[in-house]
Amino acid sequence: MVSEFNHEITDLMLEEARVHASKLNSDISHICYVPGTFDMPLIISHLLQNNTIDAIITLGAVIKGDTNHDLIIAENTARLISDLSLQYKKPIALGISGPNMTVEQAWERAKIVPIRAVNAAVNMVNRIKKLNESQYNENKTTIIIK
């Protein structure tokens, strides 16, 4: 999921995500563009209904303007994304940098944020698969520490 707002930065973020996913032998099968990060939750909810999608990676840059609008966008988007992840029981990696960041800071984070998001998505998918494959014994208390 890629925000078109600040596309100069998010295009670089997408390229970094693709390269890193390839290094992890993971496929990015769908790329959806949305006008801005605030528009992501609606498309995410539609994508998560597809059983072939294991995880979603969000890519965006919320840059500080003259008002606190960036805080409202970032906080609400992150909350809605988190709610969708729990509702559908699928990982949604938050690769959205900001809020309260300058354009220069957004460029500085354009390479590391998508790498971290890809790592989070792949790790969570693998950990959920391990949990689903585990055999739980009803007579014992199971404590999982990772």
N, C-alpha and C. Protein backbone atom coordinates (compact mmCIF):
# COMPACT_ATOMS: atom_id res chain seq x y z
N MET A 1 0.86 -1.16 0.00
CA MET A 1 0.00 0.00 0.00
C MET A 1 0.91 1.22 0.00
N VAL A 2 0.78 2.07 -1.00
CA VAL A 2 1.68 3.21 -1.16
C VAL A 2 0.87 4.50 -1.28
N SER A 3 1.24 5.48 -0.48
CA SER A 3 0.61 6.79 -0.54
C SER A 3 1.16 7.56 -1.74
N GLU A 4 0.26 8.16 -2.50
CA GLU A 4 0.68 9.01 -3.62
C GLU A 4 1.10 10.40 -3.14
N PHE A 5 0.63 10.79 -1.97
CA PHE A 5 1.02 12.07 -1.41
C PHE A 5 2.49 11.98 -1.04
N ASN A 6 3.27 12.96 -1.38
CA ASN A 6 4.73 12.93 -1.22
C ASN A 6 5.34 11.78 -2.03
N HIS A 7 4.83 11.59 -3.25
CA HIS A 7 5.20 10.45 -4.07
C HIS A 7 6.69 10.37 -4.39
N GLU A 8 7.37 11.50 -4.39
CA GLU A 8 8.81 11.44 -4.64
C GLU A 8 9.49 10.58 -3.58
N ILE A 9 9.03 10.69 -2.36
CA ILE A 9 9.59 9.92 -1.24
C ILE A 9 9.02 8.51 -1.23
N THR A 10 7.71 8.37 -1.41
CA THR A 10 7.10 7.04 -1.32
C THR A 10 7.49 6.15 -2.50
N ASP A 11 7.82 6.73 -3.66
CA ASP A 11 8.33 5.91 -4.77
C ASP A 11 9.65 5.26 -4.39
N LEU A 12 10.52 6.02 -3.75
CA LEU A 12 11.79 5.46 -3.27
C LEU A 12 11.53 4.40 -2.20
N MET A 13 10.58 4.66 -1.32
CA MET A 13 10.25 3.69 -0.28
C MET A 13 9.77 2.38 -0.89
N LEU A 14 8.95 2.46 -1.93
CA LEU A 14 8.46 1.25 -2.59
C LEU A 14 9.62 0.47 -3.21
N GLU A 15 10.52 1.15 -3.86
CA GLU A 15 11.66 0.46 -4.47
C GLU A 15 12.50 -0.23 -3.40
N GLU A 16 12.74 0.42 -2.29
CA GLU A 16 13.50 -0.19 -1.18
C GLU A 16 12.76 -1.41 -0.63
N ALA A 17 11.45 -1.32 -0.51
CA ALA A 17 10.66 -2.45 -0.01
C ALA A 17 10.74 -3.63 -0.96
N ARG A 18 10.64 -3.37 -2.25
CA ARG A 18 10.72 -4.45 -3.25
C ARG A 18 12.08 -5.16 -3.19
N VAL A 19 13.14 -4.39 -3.15
CA VAL A 19 14.49 -4.96 -3.11
C VAL A 19 14.67 -5.80 -1.85
N HIS A 20 14.24 -5.25 -0.72
CA HIS A 20 14.43 -5.98 0.54
C HIS A 20 13.56 -7.24 0.61
N ALA A 21 12.34 -7.17 0.13
CA ALA A 21 11.47 -8.35 0.12
C ALA A 21 12.10 -9.45 -0.72
N SER A 22 12.68 -9.08 -1.83
CA SER A 22 13.35 -10.05 -2.70
C SER A 22 14.51 -10.73 -1.96
N LYS A 23 15.26 -9.97 -1.19
CA LYS A 23 16.37 -10.53 -0.42
C LYS A 23 15.87 -11.54 0.62
N LEU A 24 14.63 -11.38 1.06
CA LEU A 24 14.05 -12.28 2.06
C LEU A 24 13.22 -13.39 1.42
N ASN A 25 13.34 -13.53 0.10
CA ASN A 25 12.57 -14.53 -0.66
C ASN A 25 11.07 -14.38 -0.44
N SER A 26 10.62 -13.14 -0.38
CA SER A 26 9.20 -12.85 -0.22
C SER A 26 8.70 -12.10 -1.45
N ASP A 27 7.44 -12.30 -1.76
CA ASP A 27 6.84 -11.65 -2.92
C ASP A 27 5.92 -10.52 -2.49
N ILE A 28 6.04 -9.41 -3.17
CA ILE A 28 5.05 -8.35 -3.05
C ILE A 28 4.12 -8.55 -4.23
N SER A 29 2.94 -9.11 -3.96
CA SER A 29 2.06 -9.55 -5.04
C SER A 29 1.11 -8.47 -5.53
N HIS A 30 0.75 -7.55 -4.67
CA HIS A 30 -0.18 -6.48 -5.04
C HIS A 30 0.42 -5.15 -4.60
N ILE A 31 0.35 -4.16 -5.46
CA ILE A 31 0.75 -2.81 -5.07
C ILE A 31 -0.47 -1.92 -5.31
N CYS A 32 -0.96 -1.37 -4.22
CA CYS A 32 -2.12 -0.50 -4.29
C CYS A 32 -1.69 0.91 -3.94
N TYR A 33 -2.09 1.85 -4.76
CA TYR A 33 -1.81 3.26 -4.49
C TYR A 33 -3.07 3.92 -3.95
N VAL A 34 -2.88 4.76 -2.97
CA VAL A 34 -3.97 5.53 -2.39
C VAL A 34 -3.57 7.00 -2.40
N PRO A 35 -4.53 7.92 -2.41
CA PRO A 35 -4.18 9.34 -2.46
C PRO A 35 -3.26 9.78 -1.31
N GLY A 36 -3.55 9.31 -0.10
CA GLY A 36 -2.74 9.67 1.06
C GLY A 36 -2.83 8.58 2.11
N THR A 37 -2.02 8.70 3.16
CA THR A 37 -2.02 7.66 4.19
C THR A 37 -3.37 7.51 4.87
N PHE A 38 -4.10 8.60 5.01
CA PHE A 38 -5.41 8.55 5.66
C PHE A 38 -6.39 7.66 4.89
N ASP A 39 -6.14 7.46 3.60
CA ASP A 39 -7.01 6.65 2.75
C ASP A 39 -6.68 5.16 2.81
N MET A 40 -5.62 4.79 3.48
CA MET A 40 -5.19 3.39 3.51
C MET A 40 -6.16 2.42 4.18
N PRO A 41 -6.73 2.75 5.34
CA PRO A 41 -7.55 1.75 6.03
C PRO A 41 -8.69 1.17 5.19
N LEU A 42 -9.35 1.96 4.38
CA LEU A 42 -10.46 1.44 3.58
C LEU A 42 -9.97 0.40 2.57
N ILE A 43 -8.90 0.69 1.87
CA ILE A 43 -8.37 -0.27 0.90
C ILE A 43 -7.80 -1.49 1.62
N ILE A 44 -7.16 -1.28 2.76
CA ILE A 44 -6.63 -2.40 3.54
C ILE A 44 -7.76 -3.35 3.92
N SER A 45 -8.90 -2.82 4.35
CA SER A 45 -10.01 -3.69 4.76
C SER A 45 -10.50 -4.54 3.59
N HIS A 46 -10.49 -4.01 2.39
CA HIS A 46 -10.87 -4.80 1.21
C HIS A 46 -9.81 -5.85 0.91
N LEU A 47 -8.54 -5.49 0.97
CA LEU A 47 -7.47 -6.44 0.67
C LEU A 47 -7.43 -7.59 1.66
N LEU A 48 -7.68 -7.32 2.91
CA LEU A 48 -7.59 -8.36 3.94
C LEU A 48 -8.68 -9.42 3.81
N GLN A 49 -9.68 -9.15 3.03
CA GLN A 49 -10.71 -10.16 2.77
C GLN A 49 -10.22 -11.22 1.79
N ASN A 50 -9.12 -10.95 1.12
CA ASN A 50 -8.52 -11.89 0.17
C ASN A 50 -7.65 -12.89 0.94
N ASN A 51 -7.99 -14.15 0.87
CA ASN A 51 -7.27 -15.18 1.63
C ASN A 51 -5.86 -15.44 1.14
N THR A 52 -5.51 -14.94 -0.03
CA THR A 52 -4.15 -15.16 -0.55
C THR A 52 -3.16 -14.13 -0.02
N ILE A 53 -3.64 -13.12 0.67
CA ILE A 53 -2.76 -12.09 1.22
C ILE A 53 -2.42 -12.44 2.66
N ASP A 54 -1.11 -12.61 2.92
CA ASP A 54 -0.64 -12.95 4.26
C ASP A 54 -0.41 -11.73 5.14
N ALA A 55 0.00 -10.63 4.52
CA ALA A 55 0.31 -9.41 5.27
C ALA A 55 0.24 -8.21 4.33
N ILE A 56 0.18 -7.04 4.92
CA ILE A 56 0.18 -5.80 4.15
C ILE A 56 1.28 -4.91 4.71
N ILE A 57 1.96 -4.24 3.81
CA ILE A 57 2.98 -3.26 4.18
C ILE A 57 2.48 -1.90 3.73
N THR A 58 2.43 -0.95 4.64
CA THR A 58 2.01 0.40 4.30
C THR A 58 3.24 1.28 4.14
N LEU A 59 3.23 2.13 3.12
CA LEU A 59 4.35 3.03 2.88
C LEU A 59 3.82 4.45 2.69
N GLY A 60 4.30 5.35 3.51
CA GLY A 60 3.87 6.74 3.41
C GLY A 60 4.81 7.64 4.18
N ALA A 61 4.69 8.93 3.93
CA ALA A 61 5.49 9.95 4.62
C ALA A 61 4.57 11.09 5.01
N VAL A 62 4.37 11.24 6.31
CA VAL A 62 3.51 12.29 6.84
C VAL A 62 4.41 13.42 7.32
N ILE A 63 4.44 14.50 6.56
CA ILE A 63 5.37 15.60 6.80
C ILE A 63 4.67 16.75 7.50
N LYS A 64 5.38 17.36 8.43
CA LYS A 64 4.86 18.50 9.21
C LYS A 64 4.59 19.69 8.31
N GLY A 65 3.42 20.26 8.48
CA GLY A 65 3.07 21.49 7.77
C GLY A 65 2.98 22.64 8.75
N ASP A 66 2.16 23.60 8.43
CA ASP A 66 2.00 24.78 9.28
C ASP A 66 1.05 24.56 10.45
N THR A 67 0.30 23.45 10.41
CA THR A 67 -0.66 23.16 11.48
C THR A 67 -0.35 21.77 12.05
N ASN A 68 -1.21 21.29 12.92
CA ASN A 68 -1.05 19.94 13.49
C ASN A 68 -1.80 18.88 12.70
N HIS A 69 -2.17 19.20 11.49
CA HIS A 69 -2.89 18.26 10.63
C HIS A 69 -2.15 16.93 10.49
N ASP A 70 -0.82 16.98 10.41
CA ASP A 70 -0.02 15.76 10.27
C ASP A 70 -0.20 14.83 11.47
N LEU A 71 -0.35 15.39 12.65
CA LEU A 71 -0.57 14.56 13.85
C LEU A 71 -1.91 13.84 13.78
N ILE A 72 -2.93 14.55 13.35
CA ILE A 72 -4.27 13.96 13.23
C ILE A 72 -4.25 12.82 12.21
N ILE A 73 -3.63 13.06 11.06
CA ILE A 73 -3.56 12.05 10.00
C ILE A 73 -2.81 10.82 10.50
N ALA A 74 -1.63 11.02 11.05
CA ALA A 74 -0.79 9.89 11.46
C ALA A 74 -1.42 9.08 12.59
N GLU A 75 -1.91 9.76 13.60
CA GLU A 75 -2.48 9.05 14.76
C GLU A 75 -3.72 8.25 14.37
N ASN A 76 -4.62 8.86 13.63
CA ASN A 76 -5.84 8.15 13.24
C ASN A 76 -5.56 7.00 12.28
N THR A 77 -4.66 7.22 11.35
CA THR A 77 -4.32 6.16 10.41
C THR A 77 -3.69 4.97 11.14
N ALA A 78 -2.74 5.23 12.01
CA ALA A 78 -2.08 4.15 12.75
C ALA A 78 -3.09 3.37 13.59
N ARG A 79 -4.00 4.07 14.22
CA ARG A 79 -5.01 3.40 15.07
C ARG A 79 -5.94 2.52 14.23
N LEU A 80 -6.40 3.04 13.11
CA LEU A 80 -7.29 2.27 12.25
C LEU A 80 -6.57 1.05 11.66
N ILE A 81 -5.32 1.22 11.28
CA ILE A 81 -4.54 0.11 10.74
C ILE A 81 -4.37 -0.97 11.80
N SER A 82 -4.07 -0.57 13.01
CA SER A 82 -3.92 -1.53 14.10
C SER A 82 -5.23 -2.29 14.35
N ASP A 83 -6.33 -1.58 14.33
CA ASP A 83 -7.64 -2.21 14.52
C ASP A 83 -7.91 -3.25 13.43
N LEU A 84 -7.58 -2.92 12.18
CA LEU A 84 -7.80 -3.86 11.07
C LEU A 84 -6.93 -5.10 11.20
N SER A 85 -5.70 -4.92 11.66
CA SER A 85 -4.80 -6.06 11.85
C SER A 85 -5.39 -7.04 12.86
N LEU A 86 -5.91 -6.51 13.93
CA LEU A 86 -6.53 -7.36 14.96
C LEU A 86 -7.83 -7.98 14.46
N GLN A 87 -8.63 -7.22 13.77
CA GLN A 87 -9.91 -7.72 13.26
C GLN A 87 -9.71 -8.89 12.30
N TYR A 88 -8.77 -8.75 11.38
CA TYR A 88 -8.55 -9.78 10.36
C TYR A 88 -7.47 -10.78 10.74
N LYS A 89 -6.79 -10.54 11.86
CA LYS A 89 -5.74 -11.44 12.36
C LYS A 89 -4.63 -11.64 11.33
N LYS A 90 -4.27 -10.54 10.67
CA LYS A 90 -3.18 -10.54 9.70
C LYS A 90 -2.29 -9.34 9.98
N PRO A 91 -0.98 -9.52 9.82
CA PRO A 91 -0.07 -8.40 10.08
C PRO A 91 -0.21 -7.28 9.05
N ILE A 92 -0.15 -6.07 9.55
CA ILE A 92 -0.07 -4.88 8.71
C ILE A 92 1.12 -4.09 9.22
N ALA A 93 2.18 -4.07 8.43
CA ALA A 93 3.40 -3.39 8.86
C ALA A 93 3.29 -1.90 8.61
N LEU A 94 3.61 -1.13 9.62
CA LEU A 94 3.49 0.32 9.54
C LEU A 94 4.79 0.91 9.00
N GLY A 95 4.81 1.13 7.70
CA GLY A 95 5.95 1.74 7.04
C GLY A 95 5.66 3.19 6.71
N ILE A 96 5.04 3.87 7.64
CA ILE A 96 4.69 5.28 7.45
C ILE A 96 5.58 6.10 8.38
N SER A 97 6.40 6.96 7.79
CA SER A 97 7.26 7.82 8.60
C SER A 97 6.50 9.09 8.97
N GLY A 98 6.90 9.69 10.07
CA GLY A 98 6.24 10.89 10.58
C GLY A 98 5.36 10.51 11.75
N PRO A 99 4.61 11.41 12.29
CA PRO A 99 4.41 12.80 11.91
C PRO A 99 5.53 13.69 12.48
N ASN A 100 5.29 14.98 12.39
CA ASN A 100 6.17 15.99 12.96
C ASN A 100 7.59 15.87 12.40
N MET A 101 7.68 15.58 11.11
CA MET A 101 9.00 15.47 10.49
C MET A 101 9.09 16.42 9.31
N THR A 102 10.30 16.86 9.06
CA THR A 102 10.56 17.75 7.93
C THR A 102 10.73 16.93 6.65
N VAL A 103 10.75 17.61 5.53
CA VAL A 103 11.00 16.94 4.26
C VAL A 103 12.38 16.27 4.28
N GLU A 104 13.35 16.96 4.85
CA GLU A 104 14.71 16.39 4.94
C GLU A 104 14.71 15.11 5.77
N GLN A 105 14.00 15.11 6.87
CA GLN A 105 13.91 13.91 7.71
C GLN A 105 13.19 12.79 6.97
N ALA A 106 12.19 13.13 6.18
CA ALA A 106 11.47 12.11 5.40
C ALA A 106 12.42 11.45 4.41
N TRP A 107 13.25 12.23 3.74
CA TRP A 107 14.23 11.66 2.80
C TRP A 107 15.23 10.77 3.53
N GLU A 108 15.66 11.19 4.72
CA GLU A 108 16.60 10.40 5.51
C GLU A 108 16.01 9.05 5.90
N ARG A 109 14.71 9.00 6.10
CA ARG A 109 14.04 7.77 6.55
C ARG A 109 13.50 6.92 5.40
N ALA A 110 13.59 7.43 4.18
CA ALA A 110 12.98 6.76 3.02
C ALA A 110 13.56 5.39 2.72
N LYS A 111 14.76 5.12 3.18
CA LYS A 111 15.36 3.80 2.93
C LYS A 111 15.18 2.84 4.09
N ILE A 112 15.26 3.33 5.31
CA ILE A 112 15.21 2.43 6.47
C ILE A 112 13.79 2.04 6.85
N VAL A 113 12.84 2.95 6.74
CA VAL A 113 11.45 2.65 7.15
C VAL A 113 10.86 1.49 6.35
N PRO A 114 10.99 1.46 5.02
CA PRO A 114 10.43 0.31 4.30
C PRO A 114 11.14 -1.01 4.60
N ILE A 115 12.43 -0.96 4.85
CA ILE A 115 13.16 -2.18 5.21
C ILE A 115 12.63 -2.74 6.53
N ARG A 116 12.44 -1.86 7.49
CA ARG A 116 11.89 -2.29 8.79
C ARG A 116 10.47 -2.83 8.64
N ALA A 117 9.68 -2.20 7.77
CA ALA A 117 8.30 -2.65 7.56
C ALA A 117 8.28 -4.03 6.91
N VAL A 118 9.12 -4.25 5.92
CA VAL A 118 9.19 -5.57 5.27
C VAL A 118 9.63 -6.61 6.29
N ASN A 119 10.66 -6.31 7.07
CA ASN A 119 11.12 -7.25 8.11
C ASN A 119 9.99 -7.59 9.08
N ALA A 120 9.25 -6.58 9.51
CA ALA A 120 8.15 -6.82 10.45
C ALA A 120 7.08 -7.71 9.83
N ALA A 121 6.70 -7.44 8.59
CA ALA A 121 5.66 -8.24 7.93
C ALA A 121 6.10 -9.68 7.78
N VAL A 122 7.30 -9.90 7.29
CA VAL A 122 7.80 -11.27 7.08
C VAL A 122 7.94 -12.00 8.41
N ASN A 123 8.50 -11.34 9.41
CA ASN A 123 8.65 -11.98 10.72
C ASN A 123 7.31 -12.34 11.35
N MET A 124 6.34 -11.45 11.25
CA MET A 124 5.04 -11.73 11.84
C MET A 124 4.32 -12.87 11.11
N VAL A 125 4.40 -12.90 9.79
CA VAL A 125 3.79 -14.01 9.04
C VAL A 125 4.41 -15.33 9.47
N ASN A 126 5.74 -15.37 9.56
CA ASN A 126 6.42 -16.60 9.97
C ASN A 126 6.06 -17.01 11.39
N ARG A 127 5.97 -16.06 12.28
CA ARG A 127 5.64 -16.38 13.68
C ARG A 127 4.19 -16.85 13.82
N ILE A 128 3.29 -16.26 13.08
CA ILE A 128 1.90 -16.70 13.12
C ILE A 128 1.78 -18.11 12.57
N LYS A 129 2.50 -18.39 11.49
CA LYS A 129 2.49 -19.75 10.93
C LYS A 129 3.00 -20.76 11.94
N LYS A 130 4.06 -20.41 12.66
CA LYS A 130 4.60 -21.32 13.68
C LYS A 130 3.58 -21.55 14.79
N LEU A 131 2.91 -20.48 15.21
CA LEU A 131 1.88 -20.63 16.24
C LEU A 131 0.76 -21.54 15.77
N ASN A 132 0.34 -21.37 14.52
CA ASN A 132 -0.75 -22.19 13.98
C ASN A 132 -0.35 -23.65 13.80
N GLU A 133 0.93 -23.89 13.59
CA GLU A 133 1.42 -25.26 13.40
C GLU A 133 1.69 -25.97 14.72
N SER A 134 1.80 -25.22 15.80
CA SER A 134 2.14 -25.80 17.10
C SER A 134 1.02 -26.70 17.60
N GLN A 135 1.43 -27.73 18.30
CA GLN A 135 0.47 -28.62 18.95
C GLN A 135 0.40 -28.22 20.42
N TYR A 136 -0.77 -27.82 20.87
CA TYR A 136 -0.95 -27.45 22.26
C TYR A 136 -1.54 -28.63 23.02
N ASN A 137 -0.95 -28.92 24.14
CA ASN A 137 -1.43 -29.99 25.01
C ASN A 137 -2.42 -29.39 26.00
N GLU A 138 -3.62 -29.93 26.02
CA GLU A 138 -4.68 -29.38 26.88
C GLU A 138 -4.38 -29.57 28.36
N ASN A 139 -3.53 -30.53 28.73
CA ASN A 139 -3.26 -30.82 30.13
C ASN A 139 -2.13 -29.97 30.70
N LYS A 140 -1.47 -29.19 29.89
CA LYS A 140 -0.34 -28.39 30.36
C LYS A 140 -0.60 -26.91 30.09
N THR A 141 0.02 -26.11 30.90
CA THR A 141 -0.01 -24.68 30.67
C THR A 141 1.10 -24.35 29.67
N THR A 142 0.74 -23.62 28.66
CA THR A 142 1.72 -23.26 27.64
C THR A 142 2.05 -21.77 27.76
N ILE A 143 3.33 -21.51 27.89
CA ILE A 143 3.82 -20.13 27.93
C ILE A 143 4.76 -19.96 26.76
N ILE A 144 4.49 -18.97 25.95
CA ILE A 144 5.33 -18.74 24.77
C ILE A 144 6.11 -17.46 24.99
N ILE A 145 7.43 -17.55 24.94
CA ILE A 145 8.32 -16.41 25.07
C ILE A 145 9.20 -16.38 23.83
N LYS A 146 9.16 -15.29 23.13
CA LYS A 146 10.00 -15.16 21.93
C LYS A 146 10.76 -13.88 21.95
